[in-house]
Amino acid sequence: MKLRTVAHARAGDKGNLVNISVFAYRDEDYAMLVERVTEERVNELFRELITGPVTRYCVPNLCGLNFVLQRRSTDSVTRSLRLDAHGKSLSSLMLSLEI
């Protein structure tokens, strides 16, 4: 099953840091997110887009996970010619994760 089946996501960035938050639709699915949406799995999913380690923060009161990813400084919004330099579509990629 894809992550999008049980959760929604939001993404944003500042310079070379990307922040992606994932929230369970139902409180009872949060434990599964914690178990299956790990730093290692997210690092593998974004391996071609990031340069540094992935850091995960658990936010149990909101049934959410927050991931911080580092990318090349040339990919930041002010230095890139990429169509989606802001990284907003990265939440869609996150939701394609097979859990």
Protein backbone atom coordinates (compact mmCIF):
# COMPACT_ATOMS: atom_id res chain seq x y z
CA MET A 1 0.00 0.00 0.00
CA LYS A 2 1.16 3.53 -0.71
CA LEU A 3 1.64 6.04 2.10
CA ARG A 4 -1.02 8.26 0.50
CA THR A 5 -3.62 5.65 1.48
CA VAL A 6 -3.25 6.44 5.20
CA ALA A 7 -1.67 9.90 5.32
CA HIS A 8 -1.31 13.32 3.74
CA ALA A 9 1.82 15.45 3.48
CA ARG A 10 3.08 19.01 3.17
CA ALA A 11 6.49 20.21 2.03
CA GLY A 12 8.42 23.43 2.20
CA ASP A 13 11.99 24.59 2.00
CA LYS A 14 14.43 27.25 3.02
CA GLY A 15 17.68 27.37 1.10
CA ASN A 16 19.12 23.89 0.88
CA LEU A 17 16.87 22.41 3.61
CA VAL A 18 13.61 20.67 2.74
CA ASN A 19 10.95 19.99 5.34
CA ILE A 20 8.30 17.32 4.65
CA SER A 21 5.58 16.59 7.18
CA VAL A 22 3.38 13.49 7.06
CA PHE A 23 0.13 13.23 9.03
CA ALA A 24 -1.99 10.12 9.54
CA TYR A 25 -5.62 10.50 8.50
CA ARG A 26 -6.62 8.36 11.48
CA ASP A 27 -4.99 8.38 14.92
CA GLU A 28 -4.82 4.57 14.95
CA ASP A 29 -2.50 4.58 11.91
CA TYR A 30 0.17 6.74 13.55
CA ALA A 31 2.06 3.80 15.11
CA MET A 32 2.33 2.19 11.68
CA LEU A 33 3.79 5.42 10.26
CA VAL A 34 6.39 5.54 13.02
CA GLU A 35 7.32 1.93 12.31
CA ARG A 36 7.40 2.04 8.51
CA VAL A 37 8.28 5.61 7.49
CA THR A 38 11.82 5.66 8.81
CA GLU A 39 14.78 7.93 8.17
CA GLU A 40 16.41 5.13 6.19
CA ARG A 41 13.39 4.59 3.93
CA VAL A 42 12.99 8.31 3.26
CA ASN A 43 16.71 8.64 2.59
CA GLU A 44 16.44 5.86 0.00
CA LEU A 45 13.36 7.42 -1.61
CA PHE A 46 15.05 10.82 -2.01
CA ARG A 47 18.61 9.54 -2.59
CA GLU A 48 18.97 11.28 -5.97
CA LEU A 49 17.76 14.63 -4.63
CA ILE A 50 19.55 15.01 -1.31
CA THR A 51 23.11 15.19 -0.07
CA GLY A 52 22.92 14.86 3.68
CA PRO A 53 21.25 12.61 6.19
CA VAL A 54 17.51 12.61 6.78
CA THR A 55 16.36 13.63 10.25
CA ARG A 56 12.93 12.53 11.51
CA TYR A 57 10.98 14.19 14.29
CA CYS A 58 7.94 12.44 15.75
CA VAL A 59 4.97 14.61 16.71
CA PRO A 60 2.63 12.17 18.46
CA ASN A 61 0.08 14.75 19.61
CA LEU A 62 -0.60 15.56 15.94
CA CYS A 63 -0.10 11.98 14.69
CA GLY A 64 2.61 13.34 12.46
CA LEU A 65 6.20 12.90 11.38
CA ASN A 66 8.44 15.75 10.26
CA PHE A 67 11.45 15.04 8.04
CA VAL A 68 14.31 17.44 7.36
CA LEU A 69 16.40 16.73 4.26
CA GLN A 70 19.48 18.51 2.94
CA ARG A 71 20.02 19.10 -0.75
CA ARG A 72 22.80 20.68 -2.79
CA SER A 73 23.01 24.45 -2.38
CA THR A 74 22.67 24.77 -6.15
CA ASP A 75 19.18 23.23 -5.85
CA SER A 76 17.89 25.90 -3.48
CA VAL A 77 15.09 28.13 -4.67
CA THR A 78 17.36 31.12 -5.24
CA ARG A 79 20.03 29.24 -7.20
CA SER A 80 18.19 26.67 -9.29
CA LEU A 81 16.66 26.80 -12.75
CA ARG A 82 14.45 23.81 -11.91
CA LEU A 83 10.73 24.25 -12.52
CA ASP A 84 9.82 23.32 -8.93
CA ALA A 85 12.76 24.77 -7.07
CA HIS A 86 10.56 25.34 -4.03
CA GLY A 87 10.21 21.60 -3.51
CA LYS A 88 6.44 21.66 -3.03
CA SER A 89 6.00 18.55 -5.19
CA LEU A 90 8.31 16.57 -2.90
CA SER A 91 5.31 15.80 -0.69
CA SER A 92 3.81 13.89 -3.64
CA LEU A 93 6.98 11.84 -3.95
CA MET A 94 6.85 11.12 -0.21
CA LEU A 95 3.27 9.88 -0.51
CA SER A 96 4.35 7.40 -3.18
CA LEU A 97 6.41 5.51 -0.57
CA GLU A 98 5.38 1.86 -0.38
CA ILE A 99 4.51 0.96 3.20
